[in-house]
């Protein structure tokens, strides 16, 4: 009888230790997912830089016109050089078209070129606006997805904890039932050991989530050691008599 109770108590530190080890592995947080590409931030940066470049080109061209009317060709050239520094190098074909237009000096051709430029600029502005809108919508969709993933992970953790508690509860009920059965057959010490084991097993999931887990494990170990010493001392006295 004593040996049965002793075995029931001796197995508890091993059970608690293994449980805390595997629970610690299961509860180890997953590495955070890589942050989404900052599309909106990149688009915003490019847009601001492009707007600044366009504004300075426009300002330099406007000043070149002023200096041209004032009859200061050196300042006109200087301002046009500033404007050109913000622009990509022209292709050979575009240079040829511009040279031909200047040679012809046809007002209708100039008007057509100006209208085409204004229409092209409008299409570019519309495309930029659409891209910024889509970028913002994508950023909102990514934020919503991340929130849903966070909620799903929290639900998975809760389901796992509930399953662990149910498992420990069933094991505790089994040990308590065996303990009651042992007491019914006059195995009082063995039954008491099994019932104590059942109570402790049932409390394990709550202890693991409590700051009192370490102290409780220490007390349990102390009790097991004390009971072991008492068992061998008691057996020695019985044998001596």
C-alpha atoms as a PDB file:
ATOM      1  CA  UNK A   1       0.000   0.000   0.000  1.00  0.00           C
ATOM      2  CA  UNK A   2       2.759   2.406   0.939  1.00  0.00           C
ATOM      3  CA  UNK A   3       4.670   1.636  -2.228  1.00  0.00           C
ATOM      4  CA  UNK A   4       1.618   2.338  -4.404  1.00  0.00           C
ATOM      5  CA  UNK A   5       1.056   5.718  -2.795  1.00  0.00           C
ATOM      6  CA  UNK A   6       4.752   6.466  -3.018  1.00  0.00           C
ATOM      7  CA  UNK A   7       4.786   5.721  -6.751  1.00  0.00           C
ATOM      8  CA  UNK A   8       1.769   7.959  -7.263  1.00  0.00           C
ATOM      9  CA  UNK A   9       3.526  10.868  -5.591  1.00  0.00           C
ATOM     10  CA  UNK A  10       6.940  10.228  -7.116  1.00  0.00           C
ATOM     11  CA  UNK A  11       5.570  10.456 -10.642  1.00  0.00           C
ATOM     12  CA  UNK A  12       4.150  13.941 -10.063  1.00  0.00           C
ATOM     13  CA  UNK A  13       7.409  15.946 -10.353  1.00  0.00           C
ATOM     14  CA  UNK A  14       8.195  14.136 -13.604  1.00  0.00           C
ATOM     15  CA  UNK A  15       4.690  14.822 -14.924  1.00  0.00           C
ATOM     16  CA  UNK A  16       4.791  18.476 -13.936  1.00  0.00           C
ATOM     17  CA  UNK A  17       8.315  18.926 -15.304  1.00  0.00           C
ATOM     18  CA  UNK A  18       7.506  17.356 -18.661  1.00  0.00           C
ATOM     19  CA  UNK A  19       4.311  19.343 -18.874  1.00  0.00           C
ATOM     20  CA  UNK A  20       6.026  22.646 -18.222  1.00  0.00           C
ATOM     21  CA  UNK A  21       8.754  21.784 -20.755  1.00  0.00           C
ATOM     22  CA  UNK A  22       6.409  20.925 -23.610  1.00  0.00           C
ATOM     23  CA  UNK A  23       4.003  23.709 -22.747  1.00  0.00           C
ATOM     24  CA  UNK A  24       6.906  26.114 -22.870  1.00  0.00           C
ATOM     25  CA  UNK A  25       7.788  24.831 -26.333  1.00  0.00           C
ATOM     26  CA  UNK A  26       4.185  25.107 -27.493  1.00  0.00           C
ATOM     27  CA  UNK A  27       3.784  28.610 -26.074  1.00  0.00           C
ATOM     28  CA  UNK A  28       7.040  29.849 -27.575  1.00  0.00           C
ATOM     29  CA  UNK A  29       6.044  32.802 -29.730  1.00  0.00           C
ATOM     30  CA  UNK A  30       6.463  32.418 -33.454  1.00  0.00           C
ATOM     31  CA  UNK A  31       8.938  34.740 -35.145  1.00  0.00           C
ATOM     32  CA  UNK A  32       7.156  37.870 -36.294  1.00  0.00           C
ATOM     33  CA  UNK A  33       6.299  37.965 -39.990  1.00  0.00           C
ATOM     34  CA  UNK A  34       8.426  40.259 -42.119  1.00  0.00           C
ATOM     35  CA  UNK A  35       6.956  43.742 -42.325  1.00  0.00           C
ATOM     36  CA  UNK A  36       5.083  44.473 -45.545  1.00  0.00           C
ATOM     37  CA  UNK A  37       6.918  46.395 -48.194  1.00  0.00           C
ATOM     38  CA  UNK A  38       6.416  50.103 -47.542  1.00  0.00           C
ATOM     39  CA  UNK A  39       4.724  50.684 -50.899  1.00  0.00           C
ATOM     40  CA  UNK A  40       2.727  53.696 -49.775  1.00  0.00           C
ATOM     41  CA  UNK A  41       5.745  55.329 -48.139  1.00  0.00           C
ATOM     42  CA  UNK A  42       7.885  54.735 -51.238  1.00  0.00           C
ATOM     43  CA  UNK A  43       5.224  56.116 -53.561  1.00  0.00           C
ATOM     44  CA  UNK A  44       4.823  59.154 -51.327  1.00  0.00           C
ATOM     45  CA  UNK A  45       8.566  59.803 -51.335  1.00  0.00           C
ATOM     46  CA  UNK A  46       8.809  59.489 -55.112  1.00  0.00           C
ATOM     47  CA  UNK A  47       5.772  61.707 -55.601  1.00  0.00           C
ATOM     48  CA  UNK A  48       7.194  64.471 -53.401  1.00  0.00           C
ATOM     49  CA  UNK A  49      10.570  64.306 -55.155  1.00  0.00           C
ATOM     50  CA  UNK A  50       8.934  64.417 -58.586  1.00  0.00           C
ATOM     51  CA  UNK A  51       6.720  67.340 -57.597  1.00  0.00           C
ATOM     52  CA  UNK A  52       9.750  69.241 -56.325  1.00  0.00           C
ATOM     53  CA  UNK A  53      11.685  68.562 -59.536  1.00  0.00           C
ATOM     54  CA  UNK A  54       8.748  69.609 -61.720  1.00  0.00           C
ATOM     55  CA  UNK A  55       8.270  72.814 -59.729  1.00  0.00           C
ATOM     56  CA  UNK A  56      11.946  73.788 -60.038  1.00  0.00           C
ATOM     57  CA  UNK A  57      12.022  73.036 -63.764  1.00  0.00           C
ATOM     58  CA  UNK A  58       8.926  75.163 -64.223  1.00  0.00           C
ATOM     59  CA  UNK A  59      10.427  77.986 -62.154  1.00  0.00           C
ATOM     60  CA  UNK A  60      13.717  77.921 -64.102  1.00  0.00           C
ATOM     61  CA  UNK A  61      11.905  78.013 -67.446  1.00  0.00           C
ATOM     62  CA  UNK A  62       9.709  80.889 -66.259  1.00  0.00           C
ATOM     63  CA  UNK A  63      12.776  82.848 -65.145  1.00  0.00           C
ATOM     64  CA  UNK A  64      14.502  82.137 -68.465  1.00  0.00           C
ATOM     65  CA  UNK A  65      11.571  83.751 -70.238  1.00  0.00           C
ATOM     66  CA  UNK A  66      11.855  86.825 -68.007  1.00  0.00           C
ATOM     67  CA  UNK A  67      15.567  87.113 -68.691  1.00  0.00           C
ATOM     68  CA  UNK A  68      14.978  86.570 -72.410  1.00  0.00           C
ATOM     69  CA  UNK A  69      12.564  89.509 -72.512  1.00  0.00           C
ATOM     70  CA  UNK A  70      15.166  91.551 -70.625  1.00  0.00           C
ATOM     71  CA  UNK A  71      17.712  90.749 -73.331  1.00  0.00           C
ATOM     72  CA  UNK A  72      20.094  88.810 -71.089  1.00  0.00           C
ATOM     73  CA  UNK A  73      21.001  85.655 -73.048  1.00  0.00           C
ATOM     74  CA  UNK A  74      23.683  84.559 -70.550  1.00  0.00           C
ATOM     75  CA  UNK A  75      21.103  84.409 -67.755  1.00  0.00           C
ATOM     76  CA  UNK A  76      18.651  82.642 -70.057  1.00  0.00           C
ATOM     77  CA  UNK A  77      21.267  79.981 -70.756  1.00  0.00           C
ATOM     78  CA  UNK A  78      22.023  79.657 -67.043  1.00  0.00           C
ATOM     79  CA  UNK A  79      18.371  79.150 -66.102  1.00  0.00           C
ATOM     80  CA  UNK A  80      17.805  76.664 -68.927  1.00  0.00           C
ATOM     81  CA  UNK A  81      20.864  74.723 -67.742  1.00  0.00           C
ATOM     82  CA  UNK A  82      19.305  74.537 -64.282  1.00  0.00           C
ATOM     83  CA  UNK A  83      16.036  73.256 -65.790  1.00  0.00           C
ATOM     84  CA  UNK A  84      17.908  70.692 -67.912  1.00  0.00           C
ATOM     85  CA  UNK A  85      19.674  69.316 -64.801  1.00  0.00           C
ATOM     86  CA  UNK A  86      16.317  68.044 -63.509  1.00  0.00           C
ATOM     87  CA  UNK A  87      15.401  66.362 -66.797  1.00  0.00           C
ATOM     88  CA  UNK A  88      16.585  63.154 -68.476  1.00  0.00           C
ATOM     89  CA  UNK A  89      18.841  63.457 -71.498  1.00  0.00           C
ATOM     90  CA  UNK A  90      16.810  63.786 -74.722  1.00  0.00           C
ATOM     91  CA  UNK A  91      16.957  61.103 -77.373  1.00  0.00           C
ATOM     92  CA  UNK A  92      18.420  61.762 -80.772  1.00  0.00           C
ATOM     93  CA  UNK A  93      14.979  61.459 -82.354  1.00  0.00           C
ATOM     94  CA  UNK A  94      13.416  63.994 -79.996  1.00  0.00           C
ATOM     95  CA  UNK A  95      16.291  66.415 -80.618  1.00  0.00           C
ATOM     96  CA  UNK A  96      15.708  66.106 -84.333  1.00  0.00           C
ATOM     97  CA  UNK A  97      11.970  66.803 -83.949  1.00  0.00           C
ATOM     98  CA  UNK A  98      12.634  69.871 -81.794  1.00  0.00           C
ATOM     99  CA  UNK A  99      15.262  71.194 -84.203  1.00  0.00           C
ATOM    100  CA  UNK A 100      12.932  70.728 -87.164  1.00  0.00           C
ATOM    101  CA  UNK A 101      10.101  72.487 -85.311  1.00  0.00           C
ATOM    102  CA  UNK A 102      12.339  75.430 -84.487  1.00  0.00           C
ATOM    103  CA  UNK A 103      13.538  75.703 -88.057  1.00  0.00           C
ATOM    104  CA  UNK A 104      10.009  75.699 -89.428  1.00  0.00           C
ATOM    105  CA  UNK A 105       8.698  78.069 -86.719  1.00  0.00           C
ATOM    106  CA  UNK A 106       5.132  77.057 -87.572  1.00  0.00           C
ATOM    107  CA  UNK A 107       2.666  78.459 -84.982  1.00  0.00           C
ATOM    108  CA  UNK A 108       0.211  75.600 -85.648  1.00  0.00           C
ATOM    109  CA  UNK A 109       2.927  73.045 -85.007  1.00  0.00           C
ATOM    110  CA  UNK A 110       3.914  74.782 -81.796  1.00  0.00           C
ATOM    111  CA  UNK A 111       0.267  74.864 -80.700  1.00  0.00           C
ATOM    112  CA  UNK A 112      -0.139  71.132 -81.411  1.00  0.00           C
ATOM    113  CA  UNK A 113       3.049  70.334 -79.453  1.00  0.00           C
ATOM    114  CA  UNK A 114       1.880  72.427 -76.501  1.00  0.00           C
ATOM    115  CA  UNK A 115      -1.559  70.799 -76.444  1.00  0.00           C
ATOM    116  CA  UNK A 116       0.019  67.359 -76.609  1.00  0.00           C
ATOM    117  CA  UNK A 117       2.313  68.216 -73.691  1.00  0.00           C
ATOM    118  CA  UNK A 118      -0.557  69.489 -71.571  1.00  0.00           C
ATOM    119  CA  UNK A 119      -2.669  66.393 -72.300  1.00  0.00           C
ATOM    120  CA  UNK A 120       0.281  64.110 -71.488  1.00  0.00           C
ATOM    121  CA  UNK A 121       0.883  65.931 -68.208  1.00  0.00           C
ATOM    122  CA  UNK A 122      -2.784  65.475 -67.290  1.00  0.00           C
ATOM    123  CA  UNK A 123      -2.580  61.726 -67.968  1.00  0.00           C
ATOM    124  CA  UNK A 124       0.540  61.518 -65.818  1.00  0.00           C
ATOM    125  CA  UNK A 125      -1.131  63.411 -62.963  1.00  0.00           C
ATOM    126  CA  UNK A 126      -4.207  61.161 -63.176  1.00  0.00           C
ATOM    127  CA  UNK A 127      -2.021  58.042 -63.169  1.00  0.00           C
ATOM    128  CA  UNK A 128      -0.131  59.289 -60.107  1.00  0.00           C
ATOM    129  CA  UNK A 129      -3.393  60.011 -58.278  1.00  0.00           C
ATOM    130  CA  UNK A 130      -4.710  56.553 -59.096  1.00  0.00           C
ATOM    131  CA  UNK A 131      -1.472  54.911 -57.971  1.00  0.00           C
ATOM    132  CA  UNK A 132      -1.525  56.801 -54.667  1.00  0.00           C
ATOM    133  CA  UNK A 133      -5.147  55.780 -54.081  1.00  0.00           C
ATOM    134  CA  UNK A 134      -4.389  52.116 -54.848  1.00  0.00           C
ATOM    135  CA  UNK A 135      -1.311  52.239 -52.619  1.00  0.00           C
ATOM    136  CA  UNK A 136      -3.387  53.561 -49.720  1.00  0.00           C
ATOM    137  CA  UNK A 137      -6.034  50.863 -50.279  1.00  0.00           C
ATOM    138  CA  UNK A 138      -3.315  48.179 -50.324  1.00  0.00           C
ATOM    139  CA  UNK A 139      -1.856  49.491 -47.079  1.00  0.00           C
ATOM    140  CA  UNK A 140      -5.289  49.357 -45.432  1.00  0.00           C
ATOM    141  CA  UNK A 141      -5.829  45.799 -46.728  1.00  0.00           C
ATOM    142  CA  UNK A 142      -2.450  44.733 -45.327  1.00  0.00           C
ATOM    143  CA  UNK A 143      -3.276  46.277 -41.936  1.00  0.00           C
ATOM    144  CA  UNK A 144      -6.633  44.458 -41.903  1.00  0.00           C
ATOM    145  CA  UNK A 145      -4.965  41.166 -42.834  1.00  0.00           C
ATOM    146  CA  UNK A 146      -2.384  41.549 -40.047  1.00  0.00           C
ATOM    147  CA  UNK A 147      -5.163  42.248 -37.530  1.00  0.00           C
ATOM    148  CA  UNK A 148      -7.080  39.152 -38.670  1.00  0.00           C
ATOM    149  CA  UNK A 149      -3.924  37.018 -38.348  1.00  0.00           C
ATOM    150  CA  UNK A 150      -3.360  38.384 -34.836  1.00  0.00           C
ATOM    151  CA  UNK A 151      -6.959  37.565 -33.863  1.00  0.00           C
ATOM    152  CA  UNK A 152      -6.695  34.064 -35.365  1.00  0.00           C
ATOM    153  CA  UNK A 153      -3.473  33.358 -33.461  1.00  0.00           C
ATOM    154  CA  UNK A 154      -5.116  34.473 -30.205  1.00  0.00           C
ATOM    155  CA  UNK A 155      -8.064  32.152 -30.879  1.00  0.00           C
ATOM    156  CA  UNK A 156      -5.704  29.242 -31.641  1.00  0.00           C
ATOM    157  CA  UNK A 157      -3.834  29.825 -28.364  1.00  0.00           C
ATOM    158  CA  UNK A 158      -7.138  29.873 -26.459  1.00  0.00           C
ATOM    159  CA  UNK A 159      -8.319  26.628 -28.109  1.00  0.00           C
ATOM    160  CA  UNK A 160      -4.994  24.964 -27.295  1.00  0.00           C
ATOM    161  CA  UNK A 161      -5.141  26.075 -23.657  1.00  0.00           C
ATOM    162  CA  UNK A 162      -8.736  24.874 -23.351  1.00  0.00           C
ATOM    163  CA  UNK A 163      -7.760  21.492 -24.806  1.00  0.00           C
ATOM    164  CA  UNK A 164      -4.880  21.214 -22.331  1.00  0.00           C
ATOM    165  CA  UNK A 165      -7.177  22.010 -19.425  1.00  0.00           C
ATOM    166  CA  UNK A 166      -9.711  19.415 -20.583  1.00  0.00           C
ATOM    167  CA  UNK A 167      -6.971  16.803 -20.849  1.00  0.00           C
ATOM    168  CA  UNK A 168      -5.712  17.515 -17.341  1.00  0.00           C
ATOM    169  CA  UNK A 169      -9.272  17.522 -16.026  1.00  0.00           C
ATOM    170  CA  UNK A 170      -9.951  14.068 -17.478  1.00  0.00           C
ATOM    171  CA  UNK A 171      -6.679  12.745 -16.068  1.00  0.00           C
ATOM    172  CA  UNK A 172      -7.469  14.268 -12.675  1.00  0.00           C
ATOM    173  CA  UNK A 173     -10.952  12.709 -12.652  1.00  0.00           C
ATOM    174  CA  UNK A 174      -9.413   9.340 -13.520  1.00  0.00           C
ATOM    175  CA  UNK A 175      -6.905   9.545 -10.658  1.00  0.00           C
ATOM    176  CA  UNK A 176      -9.574  10.687  -8.208  1.00  0.00           C
ATOM    177  CA  UNK A 177     -11.803   7.808  -9.296  1.00  0.00           C
ATOM    178  CA  UNK A 178      -8.978   5.317  -8.819  1.00  0.00           C
ATOM    179  CA  UNK A 179      -8.207   6.845  -5.455  1.00  0.00           C
ATOM    180  CA  UNK A 180     -11.840   6.526  -4.360  1.00  0.00           C
ATOM    181  CA  UNK A 181     -11.914   2.929  -5.581  1.00  0.00           C
ATOM    182  CA  UNK A 182      -8.715   2.152  -3.673  1.00  0.00           C
ATOM    183  CA  UNK A 183     -10.179   3.633  -0.470  1.00  0.00           C
ATOM    184  CA  UNK A 184     -13.343   1.611  -1.002  1.00  0.00           C
ATOM    185  CA  UNK A 185     -11.175  -1.529  -0.880  1.00  0.00           C
ATOM    186  CA  UNK A 186      -9.412  -0.322   2.271  1.00  0.00           C
ATOM    187  CA  UNK A 187      -6.313   0.858   0.414  1.00  0.00           C
ATOM    188  CA  UNK A 188      -6.356   4.105   2.313  1.00  0.00           C
ATOM    189  CA  UNK A 189      -2.790   5.311   1.809  1.00  0.00           C
ATOM    190  CA  UNK A 190      -2.716   4.339  -1.866  1.00  0.00           C
ATOM    191  CA  UNK A 191      -6.127   5.944  -2.374  1.00  0.00           C
ATOM    192  CA  UNK A 192      -5.041   9.117  -0.619  1.00  0.00           C
ATOM    193  CA  UNK A 193      -1.918   9.271  -2.789  1.00  0.00           C
ATOM    194  CA  UNK A 194      -3.956   8.832  -5.958  1.00  0.00           C
ATOM    195  CA  UNK A 195      -6.495  11.460  -4.907  1.00  0.00           C
ATOM    196  CA  UNK A 196      -3.755  13.943  -4.016  1.00  0.00           C
ATOM    197  CA  UNK A 197      -2.172  13.203  -7.369  1.00  0.00           C
ATOM    198  CA  UNK A 198      -5.479  13.820  -9.116  1.00  0.00           C
ATOM    199  CA  UNK A 199      -5.988  17.135  -7.344  1.00  0.00           C
ATOM    200  CA  UNK A 200      -2.501  18.303  -8.247  1.00  0.00           C
ATOM    201  CA  UNK A 201      -2.813  17.149 -11.872  1.00  0.00           C
ATOM    202  CA  UNK A 202      -6.112  19.019 -12.179  1.00  0.00           C
ATOM    203  CA  UNK A 203      -4.411  22.181 -10.938  1.00  0.00           C
ATOM    204  CA  UNK A 204      -1.425  21.920 -13.288  1.00  0.00           C
ATOM    205  CA  UNK A 205      -2.820  24.058 -16.165  1.00  0.00           C
ATOM    206  CA  UNK A 206      -3.748  26.815 -13.713  1.00  0.00           C
ATOM    207  CA  UNK A 207      -0.394  26.595 -11.963  1.00  0.00           C
ATOM    208  CA  UNK A 208       1.471  26.858 -15.273  1.00  0.00           C
ATOM    209  CA  UNK A 209      -0.227  30.193 -15.952  1.00  0.00           C
ATOM    210  CA  UNK A 210       0.312  31.441 -12.414  1.00  0.00           C
ATOM    211  CA  UNK A 211       3.326  33.166 -10.854  1.00  0.00           C
ATOM    212  CA  UNK A 212       2.937  30.617  -8.050  1.00  0.00           C
ATOM    213  CA  UNK A 213       4.004  27.749 -10.324  1.00  0.00           C
ATOM    214  CA  UNK A 214       7.649  27.679  -9.209  1.00  0.00           C
ATOM    215  CA  UNK A 215       6.814  27.863  -5.466  1.00  0.00           C
ATOM    216  CA  UNK A 216       4.134  25.183  -5.860  1.00  0.00           C
ATOM    217  CA  UNK A 217       6.566  22.898  -7.680  1.00  0.00           C
ATOM    218  CA  UNK A 218       9.099  23.433  -4.902  1.00  0.00           C
ATOM    219  CA  UNK A 219       6.530  22.591  -2.206  1.00  0.00           C
ATOM    220  CA  UNK A 220       5.463  19.500  -4.142  1.00  0.00           C
ATOM    221  CA  UNK A 221       9.060  18.344  -4.451  1.00  0.00           C
ATOM    222  CA  UNK A 222       9.594  18.930  -0.734  1.00  0.00           C
ATOM    223  CA  UNK A 223       6.469  16.910   0.105  1.00  0.00           C
ATOM    224  CA  UNK A 224       7.550  14.044  -2.145  1.00  0.00           C
ATOM    225  CA  UNK A 225      11.031  13.995  -0.612  1.00  0.00           C
ATOM    226  CA  UNK A 226       9.561  14.106   2.899  1.00  0.00           C
ATOM    227  CA  UNK A 227       7.106  11.334   2.120  1.00  0.00           C
ATOM    228  CA  UNK A 228       9.908   9.239   0.610  1.00  0.00           C
ATOM    229  CA  UNK A 229      12.075   9.664   3.689  1.00  0.00           C
ATOM    230  CA  UNK A 230       9.126   8.821   5.934  1.00  0.00           C
ATOM    231  CA  UNK A 231       8.367   5.733   3.841  1.00  0.00           C
ATOM    232  CA  UNK A 232      11.867   4.290   4.100  1.00  0.00           C
ATOM    233  CA  UNK A 233      12.158   5.248   7.763  1.00  0.00           C
ATOM    234  CA  UNK A 234       8.802   3.646   8.483  1.00  0.00           C
ATOM    235  CA  UNK A 235       9.800   0.459   6.635  1.00  0.00           C
ATOM    236  CA  UNK A 236      13.086   0.339   8.540  1.00  0.00           C
ATOM    237  CA  UNK A 237      11.285   0.587  11.877  1.00  0.00           C
ATOM    238  CA  UNK A 238       8.862  -2.152  10.869  1.00  0.00           C
ATOM    239  CA  UNK A 239      11.726  -4.435   9.839  1.00  0.00           C
ATOM    240  CA  UNK A 240      13.598  -3.636  13.050  1.00  0.00           C
ATOM    241  CA  UNK A 241      10.620  -4.717  15.132  1.00  0.00           C
END
